[in-house]
C-alpha cells in the first residue's frame, strides 16, 4: 500500500518490529513544511470526526503537529496566544454557541 505522507518518527521501526517492510525517505525543508500543513488538516479532520473517547488522543495529535509547525516557522507560543487574544477581543470567542444562518447583502446586484 502506498502512503506518501508524513508520519511520526518511530513509525518505520514500529512497522519493522511488526514484521512489515516499508520504504521511507527524509523530506527537504519545503516538502516538510507542506507535509506538516497537510498533516494539520488530516489531524483536524480526525479530531472533528472523533467520538468523545477518541477526542483527547486526536487533539493530542493535532497539538503535536501545531507545535512542530510553530517550531519550523519560528512562531512562539506567546505570539500565538497574543494573536488569539487579539482575535478574541476583536470578534469574540466561541462560548456563546452562535450559528450564523444568513447575511443580507444589499450589494449583491439584485
C-alpha atoms as a PDB file:
ATOM      1  CA  UNK A   1       0.000   0.000   0.000  1.00  0.00           C
ATOM      2  CA  UNK A   2       1.341   3.465  -0.891  1.00  0.00           C
ATOM      3  CA  UNK A   3       1.032   6.393   1.516  1.00  0.00           C
ATOM      4  CA  UNK A   4       3.411   9.255   0.633  1.00  0.00           C
ATOM      5  CA  UNK A   5       2.550  11.182   3.803  1.00  0.00           C
ATOM      6  CA  UNK A   6       4.263  12.495   6.897  1.00  0.00           C
ATOM      7  CA  UNK A   7       4.309  10.020   9.777  1.00  0.00           C
ATOM      8  CA  UNK A   8       5.703  10.079  13.288  1.00  0.00           C
ATOM      9  CA  UNK A   9       9.435   9.408  13.597  1.00  0.00           C
ATOM     10  CA  UNK A  10       9.045   5.950  15.158  1.00  0.00           C
ATOM     11  CA  UNK A  11       6.644   4.506  12.581  1.00  0.00           C
ATOM     12  CA  UNK A  12       9.248   2.808  10.325  1.00  0.00           C
ATOM     13  CA  UNK A  13      10.773   0.970  13.301  1.00  0.00           C
ATOM     14  CA  UNK A  14       7.330   0.072  14.626  1.00  0.00           C
ATOM     15  CA  UNK A  15       6.374  -1.434  11.260  1.00  0.00           C
ATOM     16  CA  UNK A  16       9.647  -3.370  11.021  1.00  0.00           C
ATOM     17  CA  UNK A  17       9.192  -4.792  14.528  1.00  0.00           C
ATOM     18  CA  UNK A  18       5.742  -5.945  13.417  1.00  0.00           C
ATOM     19  CA  UNK A  19       7.394  -7.886  10.573  1.00  0.00           C
ATOM     20  CA  UNK A  20       6.406  -5.437   7.847  1.00  0.00           C
ATOM     21  CA  UNK A  21       8.681  -3.939   5.227  1.00  0.00           C
ATOM     22  CA  UNK A  22       8.395  -0.270   4.406  1.00  0.00           C
ATOM     23  CA  UNK A  23      10.101   2.384   2.361  1.00  0.00           C
ATOM     24  CA  UNK A  24      10.685   5.896   3.610  1.00  0.00           C
ATOM     25  CA  UNK A  25      12.735   8.995   2.874  1.00  0.00           C
ATOM     26  CA  UNK A  26      13.666  12.251   4.535  1.00  0.00           C
ATOM     27  CA  UNK A  27      11.918  15.264   3.017  1.00  0.00           C
ATOM     28  CA  UNK A  28      13.638  18.514   2.170  1.00  0.00           C
ATOM     29  CA  UNK A  29      12.560  21.616   4.087  1.00  0.00           C
ATOM     30  CA  UNK A  30       9.939  22.788   1.575  1.00  0.00           C
ATOM     31  CA  UNK A  31       8.381  19.327   1.313  1.00  0.00           C
ATOM     32  CA  UNK A  32       8.402  19.001   5.102  1.00  0.00           C
ATOM     33  CA  UNK A  33       6.631  22.322   5.620  1.00  0.00           C
ATOM     34  CA  UNK A  34       3.951  21.399   3.078  1.00  0.00           C
ATOM     35  CA  UNK A  35       3.570  17.922   4.590  1.00  0.00           C
ATOM     36  CA  UNK A  36       3.084  19.467   8.041  1.00  0.00           C
ATOM     37  CA  UNK A  37       0.314  21.682   6.704  1.00  0.00           C
ATOM     38  CA  UNK A  38      -1.357  18.662   5.104  1.00  0.00           C
ATOM     39  CA  UNK A  39      -0.952  16.700   8.347  1.00  0.00           C
ATOM     40  CA  UNK A  40      -2.589  19.580  10.224  1.00  0.00           C
ATOM     41  CA  UNK A  41      -5.687  19.257   8.042  1.00  0.00           C
ATOM     42  CA  UNK A  42      -5.661  15.451   8.356  1.00  0.00           C
ATOM     43  CA  UNK A  43      -5.460  15.588  12.151  1.00  0.00           C
ATOM     44  CA  UNK A  44      -8.123  18.303  12.358  1.00  0.00           C
ATOM     45  CA  UNK A  45     -10.494  16.159  10.286  1.00  0.00           C
ATOM     46  CA  UNK A  46      -9.806  13.161  12.526  1.00  0.00           C
ATOM     47  CA  UNK A  47     -10.471  15.272  15.631  1.00  0.00           C
ATOM     48  CA  UNK A  48     -13.706  16.568  14.110  1.00  0.00           C
ATOM     49  CA  UNK A  49     -14.915  13.008  13.490  1.00  0.00           C
ATOM     50  CA  UNK A  50     -13.726  11.512  16.791  1.00  0.00           C
ATOM     51  CA  UNK A  51     -16.126  10.257  19.412  1.00  0.00           C
ATOM     52  CA  UNK A  52     -15.789  11.521  22.988  1.00  0.00           C
ATOM     53  CA  UNK A  53     -13.389   8.741  23.983  1.00  0.00           C
ATOM     54  CA  UNK A  54     -11.083   9.304  20.984  1.00  0.00           C
ATOM     55  CA  UNK A  55     -11.169  13.106  21.065  1.00  0.00           C
ATOM     56  CA  UNK A  56      -8.353  13.640  23.562  1.00  0.00           C
ATOM     57  CA  UNK A  57      -5.989  11.453  21.506  1.00  0.00           C
ATOM     58  CA  UNK A  58      -6.918  13.157  18.248  1.00  0.00           C
ATOM     59  CA  UNK A  59      -6.447  16.562  19.869  1.00  0.00           C
ATOM     60  CA  UNK A  60      -3.033  15.374  21.098  1.00  0.00           C
ATOM     61  CA  UNK A  61      -2.074  14.522  17.509  1.00  0.00           C
ATOM     62  CA  UNK A  62      -3.336  17.900  16.324  1.00  0.00           C
ATOM     63  CA  UNK A  63      -1.429  19.679  19.083  1.00  0.00           C
ATOM     64  CA  UNK A  64       1.745  17.767  18.191  1.00  0.00           C
ATOM     65  CA  UNK A  65       1.535  18.964  14.584  1.00  0.00           C
ATOM     66  CA  UNK A  66       0.804  22.509  15.723  1.00  0.00           C
ATOM     67  CA  UNK A  67       3.853  22.528  17.996  1.00  0.00           C
ATOM     68  CA  UNK A  68       6.122  21.277  15.209  1.00  0.00           C
ATOM     69  CA  UNK A  69       4.706  23.827  12.748  1.00  0.00           C
ATOM     70  CA  UNK A  70       5.385  26.575  15.260  1.00  0.00           C
ATOM     71  CA  UNK A  71       8.954  25.343  15.707  1.00  0.00           C
ATOM     72  CA  UNK A  72       9.605  25.067  11.963  1.00  0.00           C
ATOM     73  CA  UNK A  73       8.267  28.572  11.321  1.00  0.00           C
ATOM     74  CA  UNK A  74       9.874  30.021  14.492  1.00  0.00           C
ATOM     75  CA  UNK A  75       6.499  31.018  15.917  1.00  0.00           C
ATOM     76  CA  UNK A  76       6.466  31.321  19.683  1.00  0.00           C
ATOM     77  CA  UNK A  77       3.575  30.107  21.838  1.00  0.00           C
ATOM     78  CA  UNK A  78       3.390  33.651  23.210  1.00  0.00           C
ATOM     79  CA  UNK A  79       2.852  35.142  19.742  1.00  0.00           C
ATOM     80  CA  UNK A  80       0.078  32.624  19.058  1.00  0.00           C
ATOM     81  CA  UNK A  81      -1.566  33.433  22.390  1.00  0.00           C
ATOM     82  CA  UNK A  82      -1.314  37.149  21.664  1.00  0.00           C
ATOM     83  CA  UNK A  83      -2.927  36.656  18.247  1.00  0.00           C
ATOM     84  CA  UNK A  84      -5.631  34.537  19.874  1.00  0.00           C
ATOM     85  CA  UNK A  85      -6.354  37.252  22.446  1.00  0.00           C
ATOM     86  CA  UNK A  86      -6.413  39.911  19.731  1.00  0.00           C
ATOM     87  CA  UNK A  87      -8.929  37.953  17.659  1.00  0.00           C
ATOM     88  CA  UNK A  88     -10.998  37.191  20.745  1.00  0.00           C
ATOM     89  CA  UNK A  89     -11.027  40.899  21.652  1.00  0.00           C
ATOM     90  CA  UNK A  90     -11.977  41.987  18.096  1.00  0.00           C
ATOM     91  CA  UNK A  91     -14.514  39.263  17.218  1.00  0.00           C
ATOM     92  CA  UNK A  92     -15.137  37.253  20.359  1.00  0.00           C
ATOM     93  CA  UNK A  93     -14.619  33.599  21.118  1.00  0.00           C
ATOM     94  CA  UNK A  94     -16.945  30.650  20.632  1.00  0.00           C
ATOM     95  CA  UNK A  95     -18.517  30.357  24.079  1.00  0.00           C
ATOM     96  CA  UNK A  96     -21.946  31.750  23.116  1.00  0.00           C
ATOM     97  CA  UNK A  97     -22.574  28.918  20.628  1.00  0.00           C
ATOM     98  CA  UNK A  98     -23.683  31.285  17.842  1.00  0.00           C
ATOM     99  CA  UNK A  99     -24.573  29.728  14.479  1.00  0.00           C
ATOM    100  CA  UNK A 100     -24.717  32.274  11.640  1.00  0.00           C
ATOM    101  CA  UNK A 101     -27.749  31.466   9.492  1.00  0.00           C
ATOM    102  CA  UNK A 102     -27.738  34.109   6.805  1.00  0.00           C
ATOM    103  CA  UNK A 103     -26.462  37.550   5.818  1.00  0.00           C
ATOM    104  CA  UNK A 104     -28.468  40.026   3.748  1.00  0.00           C
ATOM    105  CA  UNK A 105     -26.058  41.519   1.242  1.00  0.00           C
ATOM    106  CA  UNK A 106     -27.699  44.643  -0.183  1.00  0.00           C
ATOM    107  CA  UNK A 107     -24.848  44.957  -2.706  1.00  0.00           C
ATOM    108  CA  UNK A 108     -25.432  41.583  -4.406  1.00  0.00           C
ATOM    109  CA  UNK A 109     -26.608  43.234  -7.626  1.00  0.00           C
ATOM    110  CA  UNK A 110     -30.205  42.014  -7.462  1.00  0.00           C
END
